[in-house]
Amino acid sequence: MIQRTPDQLVEWAYDLFLEAAPDCLAPGQIVDITLEFEQRGAVEATLPVADWAEELGEPVDLTAWAEVWIGLLDHQDEFETIYAKYLLPLAPDQTQVYVRWFRSEE
């Protein structure tokens, strides 16, 4: 079975993020992303965690999905701030996407 590559997933999630971030994040977070993303920004694909099923209210076949994190890294190249986590299907014919936004309270 053909699946999306990690690079395709990262690119897809980042495009979705750029489109929706101004409406889903606080203005200060948008400023941080704009000023710091080039130096500390990261978009990484990883294995999904099981708690998506609880959030979505239905079982999720985690082998059919990837999770992509978008945020800023600390000095040890670990996520310091996460702005969004995407759950993306691996199958190229699937387009349903889920996202968790981490909006700060300002």
N, C-alpha and C. Protein backbone atom coordinates (compact mmCIF):
# COMPACT_ATOMS: atom_id res chain seq x y z
N MET A 1 0.84 -1.18 0.00
CA MET A 1 0.00 0.00 0.00
C MET A 1 0.88 1.24 0.00
N ILE A 2 0.57 2.18 -0.87
CA ILE A 2 1.32 3.43 -0.94
C ILE A 2 0.87 4.34 0.19
N GLN A 3 1.85 4.97 0.84
CA GLN A 3 1.56 5.89 1.93
C GLN A 3 2.30 7.20 1.71
N ARG A 4 1.78 8.25 2.34
CA ARG A 4 2.47 9.52 2.30
C ARG A 4 3.79 9.38 3.05
N THR A 5 4.80 10.09 2.58
CA THR A 5 6.10 10.07 3.24
C THR A 5 6.09 11.06 4.40
N PRO A 6 7.03 10.92 5.35
CA PRO A 6 7.14 11.90 6.42
C PRO A 6 7.30 13.33 5.88
N ASP A 7 8.08 13.50 4.82
CA ASP A 7 8.25 14.84 4.24
C ASP A 7 6.93 15.39 3.70
N GLN A 8 6.14 14.54 3.06
CA GLN A 8 4.84 14.99 2.54
C GLN A 8 3.91 15.38 3.69
N LEU A 9 3.93 14.60 4.76
CA LEU A 9 3.10 14.89 5.93
C LEU A 9 3.49 16.21 6.57
N VAL A 10 4.79 16.43 6.72
CA VAL A 10 5.29 17.67 7.31
C VAL A 10 4.88 18.86 6.46
N GLU A 11 5.06 18.75 5.17
CA GLU A 11 4.71 19.86 4.27
C GLU A 11 3.21 20.14 4.32
N TRP A 12 2.40 19.10 4.31
CA TRP A 12 0.95 19.25 4.36
C TRP A 12 0.53 19.93 5.66
N ALA A 13 1.04 19.45 6.79
CA ALA A 13 0.68 20.02 8.08
C ALA A 13 1.11 21.49 8.17
N TYR A 14 2.30 21.79 7.68
CA TYR A 14 2.78 23.16 7.77
C TYR A 14 1.93 24.09 6.90
N ASP A 15 1.54 23.65 5.73
CA ASP A 15 0.65 24.45 4.89
C ASP A 15 -0.68 24.71 5.60
N LEU A 16 -1.25 23.68 6.20
CA LEU A 16 -2.50 23.84 6.95
C LEU A 16 -2.31 24.80 8.12
N PHE A 17 -1.19 24.66 8.80
CA PHE A 17 -0.88 25.51 9.94
C PHE A 17 -0.81 26.99 9.52
N LEU A 18 -0.07 27.27 8.47
CA LEU A 18 0.08 28.66 8.02
C LEU A 18 -1.26 29.27 7.64
N GLU A 19 -2.12 28.48 7.08
CA GLU A 19 -3.43 28.96 6.66
C GLU A 19 -4.33 29.28 7.86
N ALA A 20 -4.30 28.45 8.89
CA ALA A 20 -5.25 28.57 9.99
C ALA A 20 -4.70 29.27 11.24
N ALA A 21 -3.40 29.36 11.39
CA ALA A 21 -2.81 29.91 12.61
C ALA A 21 -3.32 31.29 12.99
N PRO A 22 -3.46 32.23 12.06
CA PRO A 22 -3.93 33.55 12.47
C PRO A 22 -5.31 33.54 13.13
N ASP A 23 -6.15 32.56 12.79
CA ASP A 23 -7.48 32.46 13.37
C ASP A 23 -7.53 31.60 14.64
N CYS A 24 -6.51 30.78 14.84
CA CYS A 24 -6.56 29.79 15.92
C CYS A 24 -5.58 30.06 17.06
N LEU A 25 -4.63 30.94 16.87
CA LEU A 25 -3.65 31.25 17.92
C LEU A 25 -3.81 32.70 18.37
N ALA A 26 -3.28 32.98 19.54
CA ALA A 26 -3.32 34.33 20.08
C ALA A 26 -2.36 35.23 19.30
N PRO A 27 -2.63 36.54 19.23
CA PRO A 27 -1.75 37.45 18.50
C PRO A 27 -0.28 37.37 18.95
N GLY A 28 -0.04 37.23 20.23
CA GLY A 28 1.33 37.11 20.72
C GLY A 28 2.03 35.86 20.21
N GLN A 29 1.29 34.80 20.05
CA GLN A 29 1.86 33.57 19.51
C GLN A 29 2.23 33.77 18.04
N ILE A 30 1.41 34.47 17.31
CA ILE A 30 1.71 34.74 15.90
C ILE A 30 3.00 35.57 15.81
N VAL A 31 3.16 36.54 16.69
CA VAL A 31 4.39 37.34 16.72
C VAL A 31 5.59 36.45 17.00
N ASP A 32 5.47 35.56 18.00
CA ASP A 32 6.57 34.64 18.33
C ASP A 32 6.93 33.76 17.14
N ILE A 33 5.92 33.22 16.49
CA ILE A 33 6.18 32.36 15.33
C ILE A 33 6.89 33.15 14.24
N THR A 34 6.40 34.35 13.98
CA THR A 34 6.97 35.18 12.92
C THR A 34 8.43 35.53 13.22
N LEU A 35 8.71 35.87 14.46
CA LEU A 35 10.07 36.32 14.81
C LEU A 35 11.04 35.17 15.04
N GLU A 36 10.57 34.03 15.52
CA GLU A 36 11.48 32.99 15.98
C GLU A 36 11.47 31.71 15.14
N PHE A 37 10.51 31.55 14.24
CA PHE A 37 10.40 30.25 13.56
C PHE A 37 11.62 29.93 12.71
N GLU A 38 12.19 30.92 12.07
CA GLU A 38 13.34 30.64 11.21
C GLU A 38 14.51 30.05 12.00
N GLN A 39 14.71 30.50 13.22
CA GLN A 39 15.84 30.02 14.02
C GLN A 39 15.49 28.82 14.90
N ARG A 40 14.27 28.80 15.46
CA ARG A 40 13.94 27.76 16.44
C ARG A 40 12.74 26.92 16.05
N GLY A 41 12.14 27.19 14.92
CA GLY A 41 10.92 26.49 14.54
C GLY A 41 11.17 25.05 14.11
N ALA A 42 10.16 24.23 14.32
CA ALA A 42 10.26 22.82 13.94
C ALA A 42 8.89 22.29 13.55
N VAL A 43 8.90 21.41 12.57
CA VAL A 43 7.71 20.67 12.14
C VAL A 43 8.18 19.22 12.02
N GLU A 44 7.66 18.36 12.88
CA GLU A 44 8.16 16.98 12.93
C GLU A 44 7.02 15.98 12.91
N ALA A 45 7.18 14.95 12.09
CA ALA A 45 6.22 13.85 12.04
C ALA A 45 6.64 12.79 13.05
N THR A 46 5.66 12.22 13.72
CA THR A 46 5.92 11.20 14.73
C THR A 46 4.77 10.20 14.74
N LEU A 47 4.94 9.16 15.50
CA LEU A 47 3.85 8.19 15.67
C LEU A 47 2.75 8.84 16.51
N PRO A 48 1.50 8.62 16.17
CA PRO A 48 0.41 9.23 16.95
C PRO A 48 0.27 8.58 18.32
N VAL A 49 -0.26 9.35 19.24
CA VAL A 49 -0.53 8.82 20.58
C VAL A 49 -1.98 8.36 20.65
N ALA A 50 -2.24 7.46 21.56
CA ALA A 50 -3.55 6.81 21.64
C ALA A 50 -4.67 7.74 22.11
N ASP A 51 -4.35 8.87 22.71
CA ASP A 51 -5.41 9.71 23.25
C ASP A 51 -6.25 10.42 22.18
N TRP A 52 -5.87 10.33 20.92
CA TRP A 52 -6.72 10.89 19.86
C TRP A 52 -8.08 10.20 19.85
N ALA A 53 -8.13 8.91 20.11
CA ALA A 53 -9.39 8.18 20.11
C ALA A 53 -10.35 8.76 21.15
N GLU A 54 -9.83 9.09 22.31
CA GLU A 54 -10.65 9.68 23.36
C GLU A 54 -11.20 11.04 22.91
N GLU A 55 -10.35 11.84 22.33
CA GLU A 55 -10.75 13.17 21.88
C GLU A 55 -11.77 13.11 20.74
N LEU A 56 -11.58 12.17 19.81
CA LEU A 56 -12.46 12.06 18.66
C LEU A 56 -13.74 11.28 18.96
N GLY A 57 -13.73 10.55 20.07
CA GLY A 57 -14.91 9.79 20.45
C GLY A 57 -15.13 8.53 19.65
N GLU A 58 -14.08 8.05 19.00
CA GLU A 58 -14.19 6.82 18.22
C GLU A 58 -12.80 6.18 18.15
N PRO A 59 -12.75 4.88 17.93
CA PRO A 59 -11.45 4.22 17.81
C PRO A 59 -10.66 4.78 16.63
N VAL A 60 -9.36 4.88 16.81
CA VAL A 60 -8.47 5.36 15.76
C VAL A 60 -7.40 4.30 15.52
N ASP A 61 -7.31 3.84 14.27
CA ASP A 61 -6.27 2.89 13.90
C ASP A 61 -4.96 3.67 13.77
N LEU A 62 -4.15 3.65 14.80
CA LEU A 62 -2.95 4.48 14.84
C LEU A 62 -1.92 4.10 13.77
N THR A 63 -2.07 2.91 13.18
CA THR A 63 -1.14 2.53 12.12
C THR A 63 -1.48 3.20 10.79
N ALA A 64 -2.65 3.84 10.72
CA ALA A 64 -3.07 4.49 9.49
C ALA A 64 -2.88 6.01 9.53
N TRP A 65 -2.29 6.50 10.62
CA TRP A 65 -2.16 7.93 10.83
C TRP A 65 -0.75 8.30 11.26
N ALA A 66 -0.42 9.57 11.10
CA ALA A 66 0.82 10.14 11.64
C ALA A 66 0.45 11.42 12.39
N GLU A 67 1.23 11.73 13.39
CA GLU A 67 1.03 12.96 14.13
C GLU A 67 2.16 13.92 13.75
N VAL A 68 1.83 15.19 13.51
CA VAL A 68 2.83 16.19 13.17
C VAL A 68 2.73 17.32 14.18
N TRP A 69 3.88 17.63 14.79
CA TRP A 69 3.97 18.70 15.78
C TRP A 69 4.59 19.93 15.14
N ILE A 70 4.04 21.10 15.48
CA ILE A 70 4.57 22.36 14.98
C ILE A 70 4.80 23.27 16.18
N GLY A 71 6.04 23.76 16.31
CA GLY A 71 6.34 24.61 17.45
C GLY A 71 7.75 25.16 17.40
N LEU A 72 8.22 25.58 18.57
CA LEU A 72 9.56 26.13 18.73
C LEU A 72 10.40 25.21 19.61
N LEU A 73 11.67 25.08 19.28
CA LEU A 73 12.59 24.22 20.01
C LEU A 73 13.36 25.03 21.05
N ASP A 74 13.83 24.34 22.08
CA ASP A 74 14.70 24.97 23.07
C ASP A 74 16.16 24.79 22.66
N HIS A 75 17.08 25.14 23.54
CA HIS A 75 18.51 25.05 23.21
C HIS A 75 19.00 23.61 23.07
N GLN A 76 18.21 22.63 23.50
CA GLN A 76 18.58 21.23 23.35
C GLN A 76 17.83 20.57 22.19
N ASP A 77 17.25 21.39 21.34
CA ASP A 77 16.49 20.91 20.18
C ASP A 77 15.32 20.01 20.55
N GLU A 78 14.68 20.33 21.67
CA GLU A 78 13.45 19.66 22.07
C GLU A 78 12.34 20.69 22.05
N PHE A 79 11.11 20.23 21.81
CA PHE A 79 10.00 21.18 21.74
C PHE A 79 9.84 21.91 23.07
N GLU A 80 9.94 23.22 23.00
CA GLU A 80 9.70 24.08 24.16
C GLU A 80 8.26 24.58 24.14
N THR A 81 7.79 24.91 22.95
CA THR A 81 6.44 25.40 22.75
C THR A 81 5.82 24.66 21.57
N ILE A 82 4.64 24.12 21.78
CA ILE A 82 3.91 23.47 20.68
C ILE A 82 2.68 24.31 20.41
N TYR A 83 2.52 24.68 19.15
CA TYR A 83 1.38 25.49 18.74
C TYR A 83 0.25 24.63 18.20
N ALA A 84 0.59 23.53 17.56
CA ALA A 84 -0.45 22.66 16.99
C ALA A 84 0.09 21.25 16.83
N LYS A 85 -0.82 20.29 16.97
CA LYS A 85 -0.54 18.89 16.66
C LYS A 85 -1.60 18.44 15.66
N TYR A 86 -1.13 17.89 14.56
CA TYR A 86 -2.03 17.41 13.50
C TYR A 86 -2.04 15.89 13.49
N LEU A 87 -3.21 15.32 13.25
CA LEU A 87 -3.35 13.89 13.00
C LEU A 87 -3.72 13.77 11.53
N LEU A 88 -2.79 13.21 10.75
CA LEU A 88 -2.94 13.15 9.29
C LEU A 88 -2.98 11.70 8.81
N PRO A 89 -3.82 11.41 7.83
CA PRO A 89 -3.88 10.05 7.32
C PRO A 89 -2.65 9.74 6.46
N LEU A 90 -2.18 8.52 6.55
CA LEU A 90 -1.05 8.09 5.73
C LEU A 90 -1.48 7.77 4.30
N ALA A 91 -2.69 7.30 4.13
CA ALA A 91 -3.17 6.92 2.79
C ALA A 91 -3.39 8.17 1.95
N PRO A 92 -2.83 8.21 0.75
CA PRO A 92 -2.95 9.40 -0.09
C PRO A 92 -4.37 9.72 -0.56
N ASP A 93 -5.27 8.74 -0.51
CA ASP A 93 -6.65 9.00 -0.93
C ASP A 93 -7.53 9.50 0.21
N GLN A 94 -6.97 9.62 1.40
CA GLN A 94 -7.71 10.12 2.56
C GLN A 94 -7.33 11.58 2.82
N THR A 95 -8.32 12.40 3.16
CA THR A 95 -8.05 13.82 3.38
C THR A 95 -8.54 14.34 4.72
N GLN A 96 -9.18 13.51 5.52
CA GLN A 96 -9.68 13.95 6.83
C GLN A 96 -8.49 14.26 7.74
N VAL A 97 -8.48 15.45 8.32
CA VAL A 97 -7.39 15.91 9.17
C VAL A 97 -7.98 16.36 10.50
N TYR A 98 -7.25 16.09 11.58
CA TYR A 98 -7.64 16.56 12.90
C TYR A 98 -6.49 17.42 13.44
N VAL A 99 -6.86 18.42 14.22
CA VAL A 99 -5.82 19.30 14.76
C VAL A 99 -6.16 19.69 16.19
N ARG A 100 -5.13 19.80 16.99
CA ARG A 100 -5.24 20.36 18.34
C ARG A 100 -4.45 21.66 18.34
N TRP A 101 -5.10 22.72 18.66
CA TRP A 101 -4.42 24.02 18.78
C TRP A 101 -4.11 24.27 20.23
N PHE A 102 -2.96 24.86 20.49
CA PHE A 102 -2.53 25.21 21.84
C PHE A 102 -2.43 26.73 21.92
N ARG A 103 -3.58 27.34 22.10
CA ARG A 103 -3.69 28.79 22.13
C ARG A 103 -3.38 29.28 23.55
N SER A 104 -2.49 30.25 23.65
CA SER A 104 -2.18 30.82 24.96
C SER A 104 -3.25 31.84 25.33
N GLU A 105 -3.44 32.00 26.60
CA GLU A 105 -4.39 32.99 27.10
C GLU A 105 -3.64 34.30 27.29
N GLU A 106 -4.10 35.32 26.62
CA GLU A 106 -3.43 36.64 26.73
C GLU A 106 -4.36 37.63 27.35
